[in-house]
Amino acid sequence: PVFVPRGFQPAPVRNGMPNMAVPPPQVASNQDPMRQLKQTITALKSDEASFESTIGPLTQSLLNVVDEQQIRKVIEEIFSQSIQISTFRYNGAKLCHYLSSNLTNQYPSGTFRQLLLKRCHEEHNKYSTLTDNCDTRRHMIGFTLFLGELLLNLKDNQGDKLTVLVGALNQLLAAFLQQPTDENLRHIVQVLKLCGVHLDDGSSPVLDQIFDKFKEVTVA
């Protein structure tokens, strides 16, 4: 005789074999997209490798968003968290790329990708010159590094890098170079390590100016 625990239910049989597959988690159609976004961001902060398991349900939820203001709130949440939290920055840019590719709804002011780039442009316009305020400077550093991550992740319809991000990053680096303190030079090095190979657009003199400045510092 074979022992069978009380309450045991055998797995359903398919093609002569028990079906042991676990059904994927279902996303409630009435779940608040912002709440789900925040849960996803929290998960990615604690476990960067959870991207693949969390992005699908979030995308399905956001596909139902038809209100532009709500999608702007989604962009703002990803945007602000990516600037403030360094451990989320990479996945934040990765999330922007994935959503830009899959959320193609046309809102009155543009698609998700267009609204994201407009938000980047608004933030970039705040930093034509470097400020002495520590909090604002820290925010500017976070924003510059986030743009670097976006440059590595976001592509145009032909799969090429977005030249508008190259120009914006070169302008931000030029602003930091106006005040070549040790902190600012360290930040420039961070950006160059991250995406420097993509910043030479053949027209901006910023990279040459940066290397000249580093030569001066080395000689001094």
Protein backbone atom coordinates (compact mmCIF):
# COMPACT_ATOMS: atom_id res chain seq x y z
CA PRO A 1 0.00 0.00 0.00
CA VAL A 2 1.12 3.58 -0.73
CA PHE A 3 0.83 6.22 1.96
CA VAL A 4 -1.22 9.24 0.82
CA PRO A 5 -1.45 12.24 3.20
CA ARG A 6 -4.95 13.35 4.11
CA GLY A 7 -6.13 16.19 1.86
CA PHE A 8 -3.55 15.40 -0.84
CA GLN A 9 -4.63 16.52 -4.33
CA PRO A 10 -2.68 15.01 -7.24
CA ALA A 11 -1.34 17.34 -9.92
CA PRO A 12 -3.42 17.39 -13.10
CA VAL A 13 -2.11 15.07 -15.78
CA ARG A 14 -1.34 16.44 -19.27
CA ASN A 15 0.03 14.22 -22.05
CA GLY A 16 0.62 11.43 -19.55
CA MET A 17 2.77 13.67 -17.27
CA PRO A 18 1.72 15.64 -14.18
CA ASN A 19 1.58 19.37 -14.87
CA MET A 20 3.81 20.97 -12.20
CA ALA A 21 3.95 24.46 -13.73
CA VAL A 22 2.98 27.27 -11.37
CA PRO A 23 0.59 29.73 -13.01
CA PRO A 24 1.99 33.27 -13.38
CA PRO A 25 0.77 35.87 -10.90
CA GLN A 26 -2.32 37.70 -12.05
CA VAL A 27 -2.55 41.48 -11.85
CA ALA A 28 -5.89 42.80 -10.74
CA SER A 29 -7.34 44.98 -13.45
CA ASN A 30 -8.47 47.54 -10.89
CA GLN A 31 -5.10 47.81 -9.13
CA ASP A 32 -3.86 51.39 -8.84
CA PRO A 33 -0.95 51.80 -11.33
CA MET A 34 0.88 54.30 -9.10
CA ARG A 35 0.71 51.96 -6.14
CA GLN A 36 2.01 49.12 -8.28
CA LEU A 37 4.80 51.34 -9.64
CA LYS A 38 5.93 52.23 -6.12
CA GLN A 39 5.88 48.56 -5.14
CA THR A 40 7.99 47.75 -8.19
CA ILE A 41 10.50 50.51 -7.40
CA THR A 42 10.75 49.29 -3.80
CA ALA A 43 11.40 45.75 -5.05
CA LEU A 44 14.10 46.94 -7.47
CA LYS A 45 15.84 48.96 -4.76
CA SER A 46 16.21 45.89 -2.57
CA ASP A 47 16.84 43.37 -5.36
CA GLU A 48 18.15 44.70 -8.66
CA ALA A 49 17.80 41.24 -10.20
CA SER A 50 14.02 41.28 -9.77
CA PHE A 51 13.52 43.43 -12.89
CA GLU A 52 12.34 40.63 -15.16
CA SER A 53 9.80 39.31 -12.66
CA THR A 54 8.25 42.71 -11.86
CA ILE A 55 8.20 44.57 -15.17
CA GLY A 56 5.53 42.48 -16.91
CA PRO A 57 2.69 43.01 -14.40
CA LEU A 58 3.55 46.72 -14.11
CA THR A 59 3.49 47.20 -17.88
CA GLN A 60 0.12 45.46 -18.18
CA SER A 61 -1.27 47.80 -15.53
CA LEU A 62 0.13 50.93 -17.19
CA LEU A 63 -1.24 49.93 -20.59
CA ASN A 64 -4.69 50.72 -19.20
CA VAL A 65 -3.75 54.31 -18.30
CA VAL A 66 -5.47 56.68 -20.70
CA ASP A 67 -5.05 59.91 -18.72
CA GLU A 68 -1.95 61.95 -19.57
CA GLN A 69 -1.67 63.47 -16.10
CA GLN A 70 -1.51 60.02 -14.57
CA ILE A 71 1.22 58.89 -16.95
CA ARG A 72 3.11 62.11 -16.15
CA LYS A 73 2.93 61.13 -12.46
CA VAL A 74 4.40 57.75 -13.37
CA ILE A 75 7.28 59.45 -15.20
CA GLU A 76 7.84 61.87 -12.31
CA GLU A 77 8.05 59.02 -9.79
CA ILE A 78 10.61 57.09 -11.84
CA PHE A 79 12.46 60.32 -12.62
CA SER A 80 12.76 61.57 -9.03
CA GLN A 81 13.66 58.16 -7.59
CA SER A 82 16.35 57.65 -10.24
CA ILE A 83 17.94 60.99 -9.38
CA GLN A 84 17.81 60.56 -5.62
CA ILE A 85 18.58 56.84 -5.18
CA SER A 86 21.86 55.76 -6.74
CA THR A 87 21.09 52.04 -6.36
CA PHE A 88 17.92 52.45 -8.43
CA ARG A 89 19.42 54.66 -11.15
CA TYR A 90 20.45 51.85 -13.51
CA ASN A 91 17.13 50.02 -13.21
CA GLY A 92 15.29 53.35 -13.44
CA ALA A 93 16.81 53.97 -16.87
CA LYS A 94 16.17 50.35 -17.83
CA LEU A 95 12.55 50.78 -16.74
CA CYS A 96 12.25 53.94 -18.86
CA HIS A 97 13.56 52.07 -21.91
CA TYR A 98 11.19 49.15 -21.42
CA LEU A 99 8.15 51.35 -20.88
CA SER A 100 9.10 53.60 -23.80
CA SER A 101 9.18 50.55 -26.05
CA ASN A 102 5.91 49.03 -24.80
CA LEU A 103 3.70 51.98 -23.81
CA THR A 104 2.89 53.44 -27.21
CA ASN A 105 -0.37 55.19 -26.34
CA GLN A 106 -0.59 58.63 -27.92
CA TYR A 107 -1.49 61.23 -25.29
CA PRO A 108 -2.35 64.85 -26.14
CA SER A 109 1.27 65.92 -25.55
CA GLY A 110 2.96 62.82 -26.95
CA THR A 111 3.89 59.22 -26.18
CA PHE A 112 5.51 57.98 -22.97
CA ARG A 113 8.96 58.39 -24.53
CA GLN A 114 8.22 61.95 -25.68
CA LEU A 115 6.83 62.94 -22.29
CA LEU A 116 9.90 61.47 -20.59
CA LEU A 117 12.27 63.43 -22.83
CA LYS A 118 10.27 66.61 -22.23
CA ARG A 119 10.68 66.06 -18.49
CA CYS A 120 14.42 65.64 -18.96
CA HIS A 121 14.51 68.86 -20.98
CA GLU A 122 12.67 70.76 -18.24
CA GLU A 123 15.17 69.56 -15.64
CA HIS A 124 18.14 70.28 -17.86
CA ASN A 125 17.07 73.90 -18.34
CA LYS A 126 17.49 74.49 -14.59
CA TYR A 127 21.22 73.87 -14.76
CA SER A 128 22.74 76.22 -17.32
CA THR A 129 25.11 77.38 -14.56
CA LEU A 130 26.40 75.58 -11.49
CA THR A 131 24.93 76.55 -8.13
CA ASP A 132 26.68 76.79 -4.77
CA ASN A 133 23.70 75.25 -2.96
CA CYS A 134 24.78 71.76 -1.77
CA ASP A 135 21.34 70.16 -2.09
CA THR A 136 20.81 71.55 -5.58
CA ARG A 137 24.32 70.49 -6.61
CA ARG A 138 23.68 66.96 -5.30
CA HIS A 139 20.43 66.86 -7.28
CA MET A 140 22.26 68.05 -10.38
CA ILE A 141 24.86 65.29 -9.98
CA GLY A 142 22.13 62.66 -9.65
CA PHE A 143 20.34 64.05 -12.69
CA THR A 144 23.52 64.01 -14.79
CA LEU A 145 24.25 60.39 -13.90
CA PHE A 146 20.65 59.43 -14.64
CA LEU A 147 20.95 61.06 -18.08
CA GLY A 148 24.08 58.98 -18.59
CA GLU A 149 22.15 55.81 -17.79
CA LEU A 150 19.34 56.89 -20.13
CA LEU A 151 21.89 57.46 -22.90
CA LEU A 152 23.04 53.85 -22.48
CA ASN A 153 19.50 52.45 -22.44
CA LEU A 154 17.16 54.62 -24.54
CA LYS A 155 17.33 54.22 -28.30
CA ASP A 156 15.53 55.88 -31.19
CA ASN A 157 13.32 53.99 -33.63
CA GLN A 158 16.40 52.88 -35.59
CA GLY A 159 18.09 51.52 -32.48
CA ASP A 160 20.63 54.35 -32.28
CA LYS A 161 21.53 56.49 -29.27
CA LEU A 162 19.52 59.65 -28.70
CA THR A 163 21.71 62.56 -29.79
CA VAL A 164 19.62 65.00 -27.74
CA LEU A 165 20.91 63.27 -24.58
CA VAL A 166 24.51 63.57 -25.82
CA GLY A 167 24.12 67.33 -26.21
CA ALA A 168 22.46 67.71 -22.83
CA LEU A 169 25.20 65.74 -21.04
CA ASN A 170 27.97 67.73 -22.72
CA GLN A 171 26.32 70.97 -21.57
CA LEU A 172 26.04 69.69 -18.00
CA LEU A 173 29.68 68.62 -17.96
CA ALA A 174 30.65 72.07 -19.25
CA ALA A 175 28.74 73.60 -16.31
CA PHE A 176 30.70 71.45 -13.83
CA LEU A 177 33.93 72.36 -15.57
CA GLN A 178 33.24 76.05 -14.94
CA GLN A 179 34.06 75.35 -11.28
CA PRO A 180 36.82 72.69 -11.38
CA THR A 181 36.79 71.75 -7.71
CA ASP A 182 37.94 68.28 -6.65
CA GLU A 183 34.31 67.25 -6.14
CA ASN A 184 33.22 68.47 -9.56
CA LEU A 185 36.18 66.83 -11.30
CA ARG A 186 35.41 63.55 -9.53
CA HIS A 187 31.83 63.79 -10.76
CA ILE A 188 33.01 64.43 -14.33
CA VAL A 189 35.16 61.29 -14.08
CA GLN A 190 32.09 59.33 -12.90
CA VAL A 191 30.14 60.41 -15.97
CA LEU A 192 33.04 59.67 -18.33
CA LYS A 193 33.44 56.18 -16.86
CA LEU A 194 29.72 55.58 -17.29
CA CYS A 195 29.14 56.82 -20.82
CA GLY A 196 32.14 58.84 -22.00
CA VAL A 197 32.62 56.72 -25.11
CA HIS A 198 29.19 57.89 -26.34
CA LEU A 199 29.72 61.63 -25.70
CA ASP A 200 32.00 62.51 -28.62
CA ASP A 201 29.54 63.87 -31.16
CA GLY A 202 32.22 65.50 -33.28
CA SER A 203 30.95 69.03 -32.65
CA SER A 204 31.21 69.73 -28.92
CA PRO A 205 34.58 70.92 -27.56
CA VAL A 206 33.67 69.85 -24.01
CA LEU A 207 35.65 66.60 -23.97
CA ASP A 208 38.80 68.37 -25.19
CA GLN A 209 38.31 71.03 -22.51
CA ILE A 210 37.90 68.34 -19.86
CA PHE A 211 41.12 66.57 -20.87
CA ASP A 212 42.98 69.89 -20.97
CA LYS A 213 41.78 70.67 -17.46
CA PHE A 214 42.89 67.27 -16.17
CA LYS A 215 46.32 67.89 -17.71
CA GLU A 216 46.55 71.18 -15.84
CA VAL A 217 45.59 69.52 -12.56
CA THR A 218 48.12 66.69 -13.12
CA VAL A 219 50.95 69.10 -13.92
CA ALA A 220 50.07 71.29 -10.93
